Amino acid sequence: MRHRVAGRKFGLPSDQRRALLKGLVRSLFAYDKIITTETRAKDVKPIAEKLITTAKKNDINARRQVRRYVDANVSAFAINSENGKLTANPDYVPARLFNVIAPRYKNRPGGYTRIVKLGARRGDGAPMVLLELVEGEDIAPIAAESAPVIKTQRGLFKKKR
């Protein structure tokens, strides 16, 4: 019995399972959204939320804790091909997490990710979802006056909205 045992096994050994989850978290932070299966997204979501909460502290210990989980074989610095100088690597995920993602949620107490169901995968029928980071403060809201209002008919008796 699996009473009070958290997490899923995914039919993988523990090292491969940890690598899978780390890769999904890294991709989520690099691209702000990923398409994956529902069970994988449900396991990745709490990990990503805890890492964002840790990154919001923005001290040296938080950086070490986040790098311990998210860091990959990607260097923090790279040589720019245009001028040959050493610059910050745009593909370095911990820097993006601390400089872009964490400041976006500075006044938000939690709930940084969202799972949107997409339907079944064609090959094996696995339920697919979109796991994405919700909008933060730096995204400007769309003005209500600029959006055109479309009157549509809906329902069985075509009632207007």
C-alpha atoms as a PDB file:
ATOM      1  CA  MET A   1       0.000   0.000   0.000  1.00  0.00           C
ATOM      2  CA  ARG A   2       1.170   3.542  -0.774  1.00  0.00           C
ATOM      3  CA  HIS A   3      -0.437   5.323   2.153  1.00  0.00           C
ATOM      4  CA  ARG A   4       1.171   8.719   2.849  1.00  0.00           C
ATOM      5  CA  VAL A   5       3.788   8.259   0.120  1.00  0.00           C
ATOM      6  CA  ALA A   6       4.116  11.374  -2.036  1.00  0.00           C
ATOM      7  CA  GLY A   7       5.154  11.508  -5.670  1.00  0.00           C
ATOM      8  CA  ARG A   8       4.835   9.217  -8.629  1.00  0.00           C
ATOM      9  CA  LYS A   9       7.297   6.657  -9.945  1.00  0.00           C
ATOM     10  CA  PHE A  10       6.607   6.996 -13.698  1.00  0.00           C
ATOM     11  CA  GLY A  11       7.998   3.486 -14.121  1.00  0.00           C
ATOM     12  CA  LEU A  12      11.553   4.824 -13.832  1.00  0.00           C
ATOM     13  CA  PRO A  13      14.464   4.258 -11.477  1.00  0.00           C
ATOM     14  CA  SER A  14      14.917   7.070  -8.956  1.00  0.00           C
ATOM     15  CA  ASP A  15      17.901   8.708 -10.688  1.00  0.00           C
ATOM     16  CA  GLN A  16      16.117   8.806 -14.046  1.00  0.00           C
ATOM     17  CA  ARG A  17      12.944  10.114 -12.403  1.00  0.00           C
ATOM     18  CA  ARG A  18      14.877  12.946 -10.711  1.00  0.00           C
ATOM     19  CA  ALA A  19      16.580  13.780 -14.019  1.00  0.00           C
ATOM     20  CA  LEU A  20      13.208  13.859 -15.793  1.00  0.00           C
ATOM     21  CA  LEU A  21      11.715  16.248 -13.234  1.00  0.00           C
ATOM     22  CA  LYS A  22      14.801  18.477 -13.231  1.00  0.00           C
ATOM     23  CA  GLY A  23      14.695  18.688 -17.016  1.00  0.00           C
ATOM     24  CA  LEU A  24      11.016  19.603 -17.008  1.00  0.00           C
ATOM     25  CA  VAL A  25      11.555  22.304 -14.363  1.00  0.00           C
ATOM     26  CA  ARG A  26      14.528  23.669 -16.299  1.00  0.00           C
ATOM     27  CA  SER A  27      12.459  23.809 -19.499  1.00  0.00           C
ATOM     28  CA  LEU A  28       9.585  25.511 -17.690  1.00  0.00           C
ATOM     29  CA  PHE A  29      11.882  28.266 -16.434  1.00  0.00           C
ATOM     30  CA  ALA A  30      13.624  28.623 -19.791  1.00  0.00           C
ATOM     31  CA  TYR A  31      10.494  28.859 -21.958  1.00  0.00           C
ATOM     32  CA  ASP A  32       7.760  29.903 -19.450  1.00  0.00           C
ATOM     33  CA  LYS A  33       5.528  27.030 -20.621  1.00  0.00           C
ATOM     34  CA  ILE A  34       5.799  23.365 -21.519  1.00  0.00           C
ATOM     35  CA  ILE A  35       3.457  20.737 -22.916  1.00  0.00           C
ATOM     36  CA  THR A  36       3.649  17.454 -21.037  1.00  0.00           C
ATOM     37  CA  THR A  37       1.454  14.740 -19.577  1.00  0.00           C
ATOM     38  CA  GLU A  38      -0.880  15.542 -16.714  1.00  0.00           C
ATOM     39  CA  THR A  39       0.877  13.360 -14.148  1.00  0.00           C
ATOM     40  CA  ARG A  40       4.295  14.823 -14.937  1.00  0.00           C
ATOM     41  CA  ALA A  41       2.902  18.361 -14.712  1.00  0.00           C
ATOM     42  CA  LYS A  42       1.341  17.591 -11.334  1.00  0.00           C
ATOM     43  CA  ASP A  43       4.739  16.470 -10.034  1.00  0.00           C
ATOM     44  CA  VAL A  44       6.645  19.418 -11.562  1.00  0.00           C
ATOM     45  CA  LYS A  45       4.271  22.124 -10.321  1.00  0.00           C
ATOM     46  CA  PRO A  46       5.148  22.027  -6.576  1.00  0.00           C
ATOM     47  CA  ILE A  47       8.867  21.824  -7.348  1.00  0.00           C
ATOM     48  CA  ALA A  48       8.711  24.896  -9.588  1.00  0.00           C
ATOM     49  CA  GLU A  49       6.617  26.844  -7.084  1.00  0.00           C
ATOM     50  CA  LYS A  50       9.067  26.109  -4.244  1.00  0.00           C
ATOM     51  CA  LEU A  51      12.021  27.159  -6.405  1.00  0.00           C
ATOM     52  CA  ILE A  52      10.346  30.457  -7.339  1.00  0.00           C
ATOM     53  CA  THR A  53       9.558  31.126  -3.663  1.00  0.00           C
ATOM     54  CA  THR A  54      13.197  30.420  -2.791  1.00  0.00           C
ATOM     55  CA  ALA A  55      14.397  32.662  -5.632  1.00  0.00           C
ATOM     56  CA  LYS A  56      12.262  35.536  -4.336  1.00  0.00           C
ATOM     57  CA  LYS A  57      14.528  35.729  -1.261  1.00  0.00           C
ATOM     58  CA  ASN A  58      17.447  36.598  -3.586  1.00  0.00           C
ATOM     59  CA  ASP A  59      20.277  35.974  -1.141  1.00  0.00           C
ATOM     60  CA  ILE A  60      23.395  33.850  -1.554  1.00  0.00           C
ATOM     61  CA  ASN A  61      21.876  30.825   0.188  1.00  0.00           C
ATOM     62  CA  ALA A  62      18.793  30.962  -2.049  1.00  0.00           C
ATOM     63  CA  ARG A  63      21.042  31.109  -5.115  1.00  0.00           C
ATOM     64  CA  ARG A  64      22.955  28.061  -3.920  1.00  0.00           C
ATOM     65  CA  GLN A  65      19.780  26.098  -3.213  1.00  0.00           C
ATOM     66  CA  VAL A  66      18.284  26.917  -6.623  1.00  0.00           C
ATOM     67  CA  ARG A  67      21.526  26.159  -8.463  1.00  0.00           C
ATOM     68  CA  ARG A  68      21.726  22.818  -6.696  1.00  0.00           C
ATOM     69  CA  TYR A  69      18.458  21.796  -8.323  1.00  0.00           C
ATOM     70  CA  VAL A  70      18.234  23.725 -11.606  1.00  0.00           C
ATOM     71  CA  ASP A  71      21.854  24.031 -12.688  1.00  0.00           C
ATOM     72  CA  ALA A  72      22.799  22.085 -15.795  1.00  0.00           C
ATOM     73  CA  ASN A  73      25.872  21.638 -17.943  1.00  0.00           C
ATOM     74  CA  VAL A  74      25.383  25.149 -19.296  1.00  0.00           C
ATOM     75  CA  SER A  75      27.959  27.766 -18.378  1.00  0.00           C
ATOM     76  CA  ALA A  76      26.838  31.026 -16.764  1.00  0.00           C
ATOM     77  CA  PHE A  77      29.045  32.943 -19.196  1.00  0.00           C
ATOM     78  CA  ALA A  78      29.680  32.515 -22.899  1.00  0.00           C
ATOM     79  CA  ILE A  79      31.860  34.139 -25.524  1.00  0.00           C
ATOM     80  CA  ASN A  80      29.861  36.477 -27.726  1.00  0.00           C
ATOM     81  CA  SER A  81      30.310  35.499 -31.379  1.00  0.00           C
ATOM     82  CA  GLU A  82      29.975  39.084 -32.601  1.00  0.00           C
ATOM     83  CA  ASN A  83      32.679  40.810 -30.549  1.00  0.00           C
ATOM     84  CA  GLY A  84      34.508  37.860 -28.955  1.00  0.00           C
ATOM     85  CA  LYS A  85      33.952  39.113 -25.401  1.00  0.00           C
ATOM     86  CA  LEU A  86      32.770  37.151 -22.400  1.00  0.00           C
ATOM     87  CA  THR A  87      29.096  37.915 -21.668  1.00  0.00           C
ATOM     88  CA  ALA A  88      26.254  36.439 -19.633  1.00  0.00           C
ATOM     89  CA  ASN A  89      24.773  33.331 -21.244  1.00  0.00           C
ATOM     90  CA  PRO A  90      21.078  33.866 -22.086  1.00  0.00           C
ATOM     91  CA  ASP A  91      20.458  30.102 -21.798  1.00  0.00           C
ATOM     92  CA  TYR A  92      21.591  29.960 -18.144  1.00  0.00           C
ATOM     93  CA  VAL A  93      18.376  29.117 -16.281  1.00  0.00           C
ATOM     94  CA  PRO A  94      19.276  30.152 -12.679  1.00  0.00           C
ATOM     95  CA  ALA A  95      20.113  33.678 -13.823  1.00  0.00           C
ATOM     96  CA  ARG A  96      16.802  33.897 -15.692  1.00  0.00           C
ATOM     97  CA  LEU A  97      14.982  32.627 -12.609  1.00  0.00           C
ATOM     98  CA  PHE A  98      16.516  35.264 -10.323  1.00  0.00           C
ATOM     99  CA  ASN A  99      16.577  38.202 -12.775  1.00  0.00           C
ATOM    100  CA  VAL A 100      13.335  37.734 -14.730  1.00  0.00           C
ATOM    101  CA  ILE A 101      10.941  35.260 -13.136  1.00  0.00           C
ATOM    102  CA  ALA A 102      11.267  35.921  -9.363  1.00  0.00           C
ATOM    103  CA  PRO A 103      10.897  39.747  -9.601  1.00  0.00           C
ATOM    104  CA  ARG A 104       7.736  39.200 -11.636  1.00  0.00           C
ATOM    105  CA  TYR A 105       6.080  37.588  -8.584  1.00  0.00           C
ATOM    106  CA  LYS A 106       7.509  39.756  -5.787  1.00  0.00           C
ATOM    107  CA  ASN A 107       4.050  40.694  -4.422  1.00  0.00           C
ATOM    108  CA  ARG A 108       2.378  37.362  -5.139  1.00  0.00           C
ATOM    109  CA  PRO A 109       2.222  34.905  -2.207  1.00  0.00           C
ATOM    110  CA  GLY A 110       2.022  31.752  -4.350  1.00  0.00           C
ATOM    111  CA  GLY A 111       0.281  30.144  -7.290  1.00  0.00           C
ATOM    112  CA  TYR A 112       2.934  30.917  -9.895  1.00  0.00           C
ATOM    113  CA  THR A 113       2.001  28.111 -12.292  1.00  0.00           C
ATOM    114  CA  ARG A 114      -1.157  26.961 -14.033  1.00  0.00           C
ATOM    115  CA  ILE A 115      -2.137  23.653 -15.624  1.00  0.00           C
ATOM    116  CA  VAL A 116      -4.420  23.838 -18.676  1.00  0.00           C
ATOM    117  CA  LYS A 117      -5.779  20.559 -20.065  1.00  0.00           C
ATOM    118  CA  LEU A 118      -5.285  20.076 -23.808  1.00  0.00           C
ATOM    119  CA  GLY A 119      -6.822  16.679 -24.469  1.00  0.00           C
ATOM    120  CA  ALA A 120      -5.544  13.198 -25.175  1.00  0.00           C
ATOM    121  CA  ARG A 121      -2.312  12.447 -27.012  1.00  0.00           C
ATOM    122  CA  ARG A 122      -2.962  10.797 -30.338  1.00  0.00           C
ATOM    123  CA  GLY A 123      -0.560   7.893 -29.982  1.00  0.00           C
ATOM    124  CA  ASP A 124      -1.452   6.438 -26.609  1.00  0.00           C
ATOM    125  CA  GLY A 125      -4.325   8.564 -25.314  1.00  0.00           C
ATOM    126  CA  ALA A 126      -2.315  10.071 -22.454  1.00  0.00           C
ATOM    127  CA  PRO A 127      -3.927  13.269 -21.118  1.00  0.00           C
ATOM    128  CA  MET A 128      -1.771  16.221 -22.208  1.00  0.00           C
ATOM    129  CA  VAL A 129      -1.596  19.571 -20.437  1.00  0.00           C
ATOM    130  CA  LEU A 130       0.051  22.956 -20.807  1.00  0.00           C
ATOM    131  CA  LEU A 131       2.046  23.867 -17.704  1.00  0.00           C
ATOM    132  CA  GLU A 132       2.784  27.588 -17.741  1.00  0.00           C
ATOM    133  CA  LEU A 133       3.867  30.408 -15.498  1.00  0.00           C
ATOM    134  CA  VAL A 134       1.034  32.821 -14.787  1.00  0.00           C
ATOM    135  CA  GLU A 135       1.333  36.477 -15.695  1.00  0.00           C
ATOM    136  CA  GLY A 136       3.262  38.632 -13.307  1.00  0.00           C
ATOM    137  CA  GLU A 137       3.298  42.353 -12.666  1.00  0.00           C
ATOM    138  CA  ASP A 138       5.360  43.431 -15.659  1.00  0.00           C
ATOM    139  CA  ILE A 139       2.670  42.469 -18.159  1.00  0.00           C
ATOM    140  CA  ALA A 140       0.419  45.418 -18.985  1.00  0.00           C
ATOM    141  CA  PRO A 141      -3.332  44.726 -18.879  1.00  0.00           C
ATOM    142  CA  ILE A 142      -5.282  45.101 -22.114  1.00  0.00           C
ATOM    143  CA  ALA A 143      -7.582  48.113 -22.148  1.00  0.00           C
ATOM    144  CA  ALA A 144     -11.284  47.228 -22.233  1.00  0.00           C
ATOM    145  CA  GLU A 145     -12.136  50.020 -24.705  1.00  0.00           C
ATOM    146  CA  SER A 146      -9.743  48.796 -27.378  1.00  0.00           C
ATOM    147  CA  ALA A 147     -11.186  45.276 -27.590  1.00  0.00           C
ATOM    148  CA  PRO A 148     -14.194  45.057 -29.932  1.00  0.00           C
ATOM    149  CA  VAL A 149     -17.380  43.666 -28.428  1.00  0.00           C
ATOM    150  CA  ILE A 150     -18.792  40.790 -30.474  1.00  0.00           C
ATOM    151  CA  LYS A 151     -22.434  39.840 -29.994  1.00  0.00           C
ATOM    152  CA  THR A 152     -22.866  36.130 -30.476  1.00  0.00           C
ATOM    153  CA  GLN A 153     -25.796  33.787 -30.271  1.00  0.00           C
ATOM    154  CA  ARG A 154     -25.485  30.731 -28.121  1.00  0.00           C
ATOM    155  CA  GLY A 155     -27.442  27.811 -26.813  1.00  0.00           C
ATOM    156  CA  LEU A 156     -30.339  25.862 -28.196  1.00  0.00           C
ATOM    157  CA  PHE A 157     -32.707  28.808 -28.649  1.00  0.00           C
ATOM    158  CA  LYS A 158     -30.008  31.273 -29.823  1.00  0.00           C
ATOM    159  CA  LYS A 159     -30.270  33.728 -26.950  1.00  0.00           C
ATOM    160  CA  LYS A 160     -28.156  36.844 -27.412  1.00  0.00           C
ATOM    161  CA  ARG A 161     -25.600  37.875 -24.827  1.00  0.00           C
END
